[in-house]
Amino acid sequence: MSRLSAFLHPETVQETKEVVISQRFKDKDEKVVPFTIKALSQAENEAISKRCQQKSRGKDEIDNIEYTQRIVVAGTVEPNFADKELLAAFGPSPETPLLNPLELPGIMLRAGEYARLVKEIMQISGFDEDLAALAKN
């Protein structure tokens, strides 16, 4: 019965985490503002994978760029990449906001910052570093 109990009552793990992705994001007091990320479940990961499948040479393949974009948007709590004000701020002009939240992290972040965010989301979601490196490529 003790083994079953372990599955019925798993250890609670931290589902969200604050991480400093860049020193560039500061509040009015010049303090660095961290991003808040969350762990993704396997169900969320599967849904993202399915949305990123495409046919290539008669077989299904995952579009790794879109997969990574969706992981970043789904795994980031704050900033909310779907926020209308944030999308407007990074649009081509004040009158023309971005329409696709998947584009925002790539515009808002430098390449290394983006890679750091992907790595942190993958780690909190239970992937080891090898899979995190694979996802960002």
N, C-alpha and C. Protein backbone atom coordinates (compact mmCIF):
# COMPACT_ATOMS: atom_id res chain seq x y z
N MET A 1 0.81 -1.20 0.00
CA MET A 1 0.00 0.00 0.00
C MET A 1 0.86 1.27 0.00
N SER A 2 2.06 1.21 0.54
CA SER A 2 2.89 2.41 0.64
C SER A 2 3.31 2.93 -0.74
N ARG A 3 3.53 2.04 -1.71
CA ARG A 3 3.87 2.50 -3.06
C ARG A 3 2.71 3.23 -3.70
N LEU A 4 1.52 2.70 -3.55
CA LEU A 4 0.33 3.35 -4.09
C LEU A 4 0.17 4.73 -3.47
N SER A 5 0.42 4.83 -2.19
CA SER A 5 0.31 6.10 -1.49
C SER A 5 1.23 7.16 -2.10
N ALA A 6 2.40 6.75 -2.55
CA ALA A 6 3.34 7.69 -3.18
C ALA A 6 2.75 8.28 -4.46
N PHE A 7 1.99 7.48 -5.20
CA PHE A 7 1.38 7.97 -6.44
C PHE A 7 0.12 8.77 -6.16
N LEU A 8 -0.56 8.43 -5.08
CA LEU A 8 -1.77 9.16 -4.71
C LEU A 8 -1.45 10.53 -4.12
N HIS A 9 -0.30 10.64 -3.51
CA HIS A 9 0.09 11.88 -2.84
C HIS A 9 1.51 12.29 -3.24
N PRO A 10 1.69 12.69 -4.51
CA PRO A 10 3.04 13.07 -4.94
C PRO A 10 3.51 14.32 -4.21
N GLU A 11 4.81 14.45 -4.14
CA GLU A 11 5.42 15.61 -3.51
C GLU A 11 5.03 16.86 -4.29
N THR A 12 4.66 17.89 -3.58
CA THR A 12 4.31 19.14 -4.24
C THR A 12 5.59 19.82 -4.69
N VAL A 13 5.60 20.23 -5.94
CA VAL A 13 6.76 20.94 -6.47
C VAL A 13 6.33 22.34 -6.88
N GLN A 14 7.28 23.23 -6.90
CA GLN A 14 6.98 24.60 -7.27
C GLN A 14 6.58 24.65 -8.74
N GLU A 15 5.40 25.16 -9.02
CA GLU A 15 4.88 25.20 -10.39
C GLU A 15 5.23 26.50 -11.12
N THR A 16 5.55 27.56 -10.37
CA THR A 16 5.98 28.82 -10.99
C THR A 16 7.31 29.23 -10.38
N LYS A 17 7.99 30.09 -11.11
CA LYS A 17 9.32 30.51 -10.67
C LYS A 17 9.63 31.87 -11.29
N GLU A 18 10.27 32.72 -10.55
CA GLU A 18 10.74 33.99 -11.10
C GLU A 18 12.18 33.82 -11.56
N VAL A 19 12.46 34.26 -12.78
CA VAL A 19 13.81 34.16 -13.33
C VAL A 19 14.20 35.48 -14.00
N VAL A 20 15.44 35.86 -13.80
CA VAL A 20 15.94 37.06 -14.46
C VAL A 20 16.44 36.63 -15.83
N ILE A 21 15.77 37.10 -16.85
CA ILE A 21 16.13 36.77 -18.22
C ILE A 21 17.11 37.80 -18.77
N SER A 22 16.96 39.04 -18.31
CA SER A 22 17.81 40.12 -18.81
C SER A 22 17.90 41.23 -17.78
N GLN A 23 19.01 41.92 -17.80
CA GLN A 23 19.19 43.11 -16.97
C GLN A 23 18.52 44.33 -17.61
N ARG A 24 18.00 44.17 -18.83
CA ARG A 24 17.41 45.30 -19.56
C ARG A 24 16.02 45.69 -19.06
N PHE A 25 15.32 44.79 -18.41
CA PHE A 25 13.94 45.06 -17.98
C PHE A 25 13.95 45.53 -16.53
N LYS A 26 13.74 46.85 -16.34
CA LYS A 26 13.83 47.44 -15.00
C LYS A 26 12.55 48.23 -14.70
N ASP A 27 12.21 48.27 -13.40
CA ASP A 27 11.06 49.05 -12.98
C ASP A 27 11.47 50.51 -12.81
N LYS A 28 10.55 51.33 -12.34
CA LYS A 28 10.83 52.77 -12.19
C LYS A 28 11.95 53.07 -11.20
N ASP A 29 12.21 52.13 -10.28
CA ASP A 29 13.29 52.28 -9.30
C ASP A 29 14.60 51.67 -9.77
N GLU A 30 14.64 51.31 -11.06
CA GLU A 30 15.84 50.72 -11.67
C GLU A 30 16.17 49.32 -11.15
N LYS A 31 15.20 48.65 -10.56
CA LYS A 31 15.39 47.26 -10.13
C LYS A 31 15.03 46.34 -11.28
N VAL A 32 15.84 45.31 -11.46
CA VAL A 32 15.60 44.34 -12.53
C VAL A 32 14.29 43.60 -12.24
N VAL A 33 13.45 43.49 -13.27
CA VAL A 33 12.17 42.81 -13.13
C VAL A 33 12.29 41.39 -13.71
N PRO A 34 12.03 40.39 -12.89
CA PRO A 34 12.12 39.01 -13.39
C PRO A 34 10.89 38.62 -14.20
N PHE A 35 11.06 37.61 -15.01
CA PHE A 35 9.94 36.98 -15.69
C PHE A 35 9.39 35.93 -14.74
N THR A 36 8.10 35.66 -14.79
CA THR A 36 7.50 34.57 -14.04
C THR A 36 7.16 33.48 -15.04
N ILE A 37 7.69 32.29 -14.79
CA ILE A 37 7.44 31.16 -15.69
C ILE A 37 6.70 30.07 -14.93
N LYS A 38 6.13 29.14 -15.69
CA LYS A 38 5.42 28.03 -15.05
C LYS A 38 5.80 26.72 -15.71
N ALA A 39 5.60 25.65 -14.95
CA ALA A 39 5.82 24.31 -15.46
C ALA A 39 4.68 23.94 -16.40
N LEU A 40 5.02 23.29 -17.49
CA LEU A 40 4.00 22.80 -18.43
C LEU A 40 3.77 21.32 -18.19
N SER A 41 2.53 20.92 -18.23
CA SER A 41 2.20 19.50 -18.06
C SER A 41 2.45 18.76 -19.37
N GLN A 42 2.46 17.45 -19.30
CA GLN A 42 2.63 16.65 -20.51
C GLN A 42 1.44 16.86 -21.46
N ALA A 43 0.25 17.06 -20.89
CA ALA A 43 -0.93 17.31 -21.74
C ALA A 43 -0.75 18.61 -22.53
N GLU A 44 -0.22 19.65 -21.88
CA GLU A 44 0.03 20.91 -22.57
C GLU A 44 1.11 20.72 -23.64
N ASN A 45 2.16 19.98 -23.30
CA ASN A 45 3.24 19.72 -24.25
C ASN A 45 2.73 18.97 -25.48
N GLU A 46 1.88 17.97 -25.26
CA GLU A 46 1.32 17.21 -26.39
C GLU A 46 0.44 18.09 -27.27
N ALA A 47 -0.37 18.95 -26.66
CA ALA A 47 -1.22 19.86 -27.44
C ALA A 47 -0.37 20.80 -28.28
N ILE A 48 0.70 21.31 -27.70
CA ILE A 48 1.61 22.19 -28.44
C ILE A 48 2.26 21.42 -29.58
N SER A 49 2.73 20.21 -29.31
CA SER A 49 3.37 19.38 -30.35
C SER A 49 2.42 19.13 -31.51
N LYS A 50 1.17 18.81 -31.20
CA LYS A 50 0.18 18.54 -32.26
C LYS A 50 -0.07 19.76 -33.12
N ARG A 51 -0.09 20.95 -32.50
CA ARG A 51 -0.32 22.18 -33.26
C ARG A 51 0.85 22.50 -34.19
N CYS A 52 2.02 21.93 -33.90
CA CYS A 52 3.22 22.26 -34.66
C CYS A 52 3.58 21.20 -35.70
N GLN A 53 2.73 20.20 -35.85
CA GLN A 53 3.04 19.14 -36.81
C GLN A 53 2.76 19.60 -38.23
N GLN A 54 3.64 19.18 -39.12
CA GLN A 54 3.48 19.45 -40.55
C GLN A 54 3.92 18.23 -41.33
N LYS A 55 3.40 18.10 -42.50
CA LYS A 55 3.78 16.97 -43.36
C LYS A 55 5.05 17.31 -44.10
N SER A 56 5.99 16.37 -44.11
CA SER A 56 7.21 16.52 -44.86
C SER A 56 7.61 15.15 -45.40
N ARG A 57 7.67 15.06 -46.70
CA ARG A 57 8.01 13.79 -47.37
C ARG A 57 7.10 12.65 -46.91
N GLY A 58 5.82 12.97 -46.75
CA GLY A 58 4.84 11.93 -46.42
C GLY A 58 4.76 11.54 -44.96
N LYS A 59 5.54 12.20 -44.09
CA LYS A 59 5.45 11.87 -42.67
C LYS A 59 5.31 13.15 -41.85
N ASP A 60 4.76 12.98 -40.65
CA ASP A 60 4.59 14.13 -39.77
C ASP A 60 5.92 14.51 -39.13
N GLU A 61 6.20 15.80 -39.13
CA GLU A 61 7.36 16.33 -38.45
C GLU A 61 6.93 17.56 -37.66
N ILE A 62 7.66 17.85 -36.60
CA ILE A 62 7.34 19.01 -35.79
C ILE A 62 8.17 20.19 -36.26
N ASP A 63 7.51 21.33 -36.44
CA ASP A 63 8.19 22.58 -36.75
C ASP A 63 8.82 23.07 -35.45
N ASN A 64 10.13 22.89 -35.31
CA ASN A 64 10.82 23.20 -34.05
C ASN A 64 10.75 24.67 -33.67
N ILE A 65 10.74 25.55 -34.66
CA ILE A 65 10.67 26.99 -34.36
C ILE A 65 9.31 27.31 -33.75
N GLU A 66 8.26 26.85 -34.38
CA GLU A 66 6.91 27.11 -33.85
C GLU A 66 6.72 26.43 -32.50
N TYR A 67 7.25 25.21 -32.35
CA TYR A 67 7.16 24.50 -31.07
C TYR A 67 7.80 25.33 -29.96
N THR A 68 8.98 25.85 -30.20
CA THR A 68 9.68 26.65 -29.20
C THR A 68 8.92 27.94 -28.91
N GLN A 69 8.39 28.58 -29.95
CA GLN A 69 7.60 29.80 -29.73
C GLN A 69 6.39 29.50 -28.84
N ARG A 70 5.71 28.41 -29.11
CA ARG A 70 4.52 28.06 -28.32
C ARG A 70 4.88 27.68 -26.88
N ILE A 71 6.02 27.02 -26.69
CA ILE A 71 6.50 26.68 -25.35
C ILE A 71 6.77 27.97 -24.56
N VAL A 72 7.40 28.93 -25.19
CA VAL A 72 7.72 30.19 -24.53
C VAL A 72 6.45 30.94 -24.14
N VAL A 73 5.50 31.05 -25.05
CA VAL A 73 4.27 31.78 -24.76
C VAL A 73 3.45 31.06 -23.69
N ALA A 74 3.34 29.74 -23.79
CA ALA A 74 2.56 28.97 -22.81
C ALA A 74 3.23 28.92 -21.45
N GLY A 75 4.54 28.92 -21.41
CA GLY A 75 5.29 28.78 -20.17
C GLY A 75 5.62 30.08 -19.46
N THR A 76 5.31 31.20 -20.08
CA THR A 76 5.60 32.50 -19.47
C THR A 76 4.31 33.09 -18.92
N VAL A 77 4.30 33.32 -17.61
CA VAL A 77 3.14 33.90 -16.95
C VAL A 77 3.20 35.42 -17.03
N GLU A 78 4.39 35.96 -16.71
CA GLU A 78 4.58 37.39 -16.76
C GLU A 78 5.95 37.71 -17.32
N PRO A 79 6.04 38.48 -18.38
CA PRO A 79 4.95 39.20 -19.01
C PRO A 79 4.03 38.26 -19.79
N ASN A 80 2.79 38.67 -19.92
CA ASN A 80 1.83 37.91 -20.70
C ASN A 80 2.00 38.33 -22.16
N PHE A 81 2.53 37.45 -22.98
CA PHE A 81 2.82 37.80 -24.36
C PHE A 81 1.58 38.04 -25.21
N ALA A 82 0.39 37.74 -24.68
CA ALA A 82 -0.86 38.01 -25.39
C ALA A 82 -1.48 39.34 -24.94
N ASP A 83 -0.84 40.05 -24.04
CA ASP A 83 -1.36 41.32 -23.54
C ASP A 83 -1.42 42.35 -24.67
N LYS A 84 -2.57 42.96 -24.84
CA LYS A 84 -2.78 43.92 -25.95
C LYS A 84 -1.84 45.12 -25.86
N GLU A 85 -1.59 45.62 -24.66
CA GLU A 85 -0.70 46.77 -24.49
C GLU A 85 0.74 46.41 -24.87
N LEU A 86 1.17 45.23 -24.48
CA LEU A 86 2.52 44.78 -24.82
C LEU A 86 2.65 44.54 -26.32
N LEU A 87 1.64 43.93 -26.92
CA LEU A 87 1.65 43.70 -28.37
C LEU A 87 1.69 45.03 -29.11
N ALA A 88 0.95 46.02 -28.62
CA ALA A 88 0.95 47.34 -29.27
C ALA A 88 2.31 48.02 -29.15
N ALA A 89 2.95 47.88 -27.99
CA ALA A 89 4.24 48.53 -27.77
C ALA A 89 5.33 48.00 -28.70
N PHE A 90 5.23 46.74 -29.09
CA PHE A 90 6.26 46.14 -29.94
C PHE A 90 5.81 45.96 -31.39
N GLY A 91 4.68 46.55 -31.73
CA GLY A 91 4.19 46.48 -33.11
C GLY A 91 5.01 47.37 -34.02
N PRO A 92 4.78 47.25 -35.32
CA PRO A 92 5.55 48.06 -36.27
C PRO A 92 5.32 49.56 -36.10
N SER A 93 4.15 49.95 -35.58
CA SER A 93 3.86 51.35 -35.29
C SER A 93 2.81 51.39 -34.19
N PRO A 94 2.63 52.55 -33.55
CA PRO A 94 1.63 52.62 -32.48
C PRO A 94 0.21 52.30 -32.96
N GLU A 95 -0.05 52.56 -34.22
CA GLU A 95 -1.37 52.27 -34.78
C GLU A 95 -1.52 50.82 -35.22
N THR A 96 -0.39 50.11 -35.35
CA THR A 96 -0.42 48.74 -35.85
C THR A 96 0.24 47.81 -34.83
N PRO A 97 -0.55 47.24 -33.91
CA PRO A 97 0.05 46.32 -32.94
C PRO A 97 0.37 44.97 -33.59
N LEU A 98 1.22 44.22 -32.94
CA LEU A 98 1.44 42.85 -33.36
C LEU A 98 0.13 42.10 -33.15
N LEU A 99 -0.17 41.17 -34.01
CA LEU A 99 -1.40 40.41 -33.86
C LEU A 99 -1.15 39.01 -33.34
N ASN A 100 0.07 38.53 -33.48
CA ASN A 100 0.40 37.16 -33.10
C ASN A 100 1.33 37.16 -31.89
N PRO A 101 0.83 36.72 -30.71
CA PRO A 101 1.69 36.68 -29.53
C PRO A 101 2.92 35.80 -29.70
N LEU A 102 2.89 34.85 -30.63
CA LEU A 102 4.06 34.00 -30.85
C LEU A 102 5.25 34.79 -31.37
N GLU A 103 5.01 35.91 -32.03
CA GLU A 103 6.08 36.73 -32.57
C GLU A 103 6.75 37.60 -31.52
N LEU A 104 6.00 37.97 -30.48
CA LEU A 104 6.48 38.96 -29.52
C LEU A 104 7.78 38.59 -28.81
N PRO A 105 7.94 37.39 -28.26
CA PRO A 105 9.20 37.09 -27.58
C PRO A 105 10.42 37.24 -28.49
N GLY A 106 10.29 36.87 -29.74
CA GLY A 106 11.40 36.98 -30.68
C GLY A 106 11.76 38.42 -31.02
N ILE A 107 10.79 39.31 -30.91
CA ILE A 107 11.03 40.73 -31.16
C ILE A 107 11.54 41.41 -29.89
N MET A 108 10.96 41.04 -28.78
CA MET A 108 11.23 41.69 -27.50
C MET A 108 12.58 41.28 -26.90
N LEU A 109 13.00 40.05 -27.14
CA LEU A 109 14.20 39.50 -26.50
C LEU A 109 15.36 39.37 -27.47
N ARG A 110 16.55 39.49 -26.94
CA ARG A 110 17.76 39.18 -27.71
C ARG A 110 17.89 37.67 -27.79
N ALA A 111 18.69 37.19 -28.70
CA ALA A 111 18.82 35.74 -28.92
C ALA A 111 19.21 34.98 -27.66
N GLY A 112 20.17 35.48 -26.92
CA GLY A 112 20.61 34.81 -25.69
C GLY A 112 19.54 34.84 -24.61
N GLU A 113 18.80 35.94 -24.53
CA GLU A 113 17.72 36.05 -23.56
C GLU A 113 16.61 35.05 -23.88
N TYR A 114 16.29 34.93 -25.15
CA TYR A 114 15.28 33.99 -25.61
C TYR A 114 15.70 32.56 -25.25
N ALA A 115 16.95 32.24 -25.53
CA ALA A 115 17.47 30.90 -25.22
C ALA A 115 17.41 30.63 -23.72
N ARG A 116 17.73 31.63 -22.90
CA ARG A 116 17.68 31.49 -21.45
C ARG A 116 16.24 31.22 -20.99
N LEU A 117 15.28 31.93 -21.58
CA LEU A 117 13.88 31.73 -21.22
C LEU A 117 13.41 30.33 -21.59
N VAL A 118 13.77 29.87 -22.77
CA VAL A 118 13.42 28.51 -23.19
C VAL A 118 14.01 27.49 -22.22
N LYS A 119 15.27 27.66 -21.89
CA LYS A 119 15.95 26.72 -20.99
C LYS A 119 15.26 26.67 -19.63
N GLU A 120 14.92 27.82 -19.08
CA GLU A 120 14.27 27.87 -17.77
C GLU A 120 12.89 27.21 -17.80
N ILE A 121 12.12 27.45 -18.85
CA ILE A 121 10.80 26.83 -18.95
C ILE A 121 10.91 25.32 -19.10
N MET A 122 11.86 24.87 -19.89
CA MET A 122 12.04 23.43 -20.07
C MET A 122 12.49 22.78 -18.76
N GLN A 123 13.37 23.44 -18.03
CA GLN A 123 13.85 22.86 -16.77
C GLN A 123 12.74 22.78 -15.73
N ILE A 124 11.94 23.84 -15.57
CA ILE A 124 10.87 23.80 -14.58
C ILE A 124 9.79 22.78 -14.98
N SER A 125 9.72 22.47 -16.27
CA SER A 125 8.76 21.50 -16.78
C SER A 125 9.28 20.06 -16.69
N GLY A 126 10.50 19.90 -16.20
CA GLY A 126 11.03 18.57 -15.95
C GLY A 126 11.94 18.00 -17.02
N PHE A 127 12.25 18.79 -18.05
CA PHE A 127 13.17 18.32 -19.07
C PHE A 127 14.60 18.52 -18.58
N ASP A 128 15.49 17.62 -19.00
CA ASP A 128 16.89 17.82 -18.63
C ASP A 128 17.51 18.82 -19.60
N GLU A 129 18.75 19.19 -19.37
CA GLU A 129 19.39 20.23 -20.17
C GLU A 129 19.57 19.83 -21.63
N ASP A 130 19.77 18.54 -21.92
CA ASP A 130 19.95 18.11 -23.30
C ASP A 130 18.68 18.38 -24.11
N LEU A 131 17.51 18.11 -23.53
CA LEU A 131 16.27 18.38 -24.23
C LEU A 131 16.00 19.87 -24.34
N ALA A 132 16.38 20.64 -23.33
CA ALA A 132 16.22 22.08 -23.39
C ALA A 132 17.06 22.66 -24.52
N ALA A 133 18.27 22.16 -24.68
CA ALA A 133 19.15 22.63 -25.77
C ALA A 133 18.56 22.24 -27.12
N LEU A 134 17.99 21.06 -27.21
CA LEU A 134 17.38 20.60 -28.46
C LEU A 134 16.20 21.49 -28.83
N ALA A 135 15.37 21.86 -27.86
CA ALA A 135 14.19 22.65 -28.12
C ALA A 135 14.52 24.04 -28.63
N LYS A 136 15.62 24.62 -28.15
CA LYS A 136 15.93 25.99 -28.59
C LYS A 136 16.61 26.02 -29.96
N ASN A 137 17.03 24.88 -30.48
CA ASN A 137 17.68 24.85 -31.79
C ASN A 137 16.69 24.74 -32.87
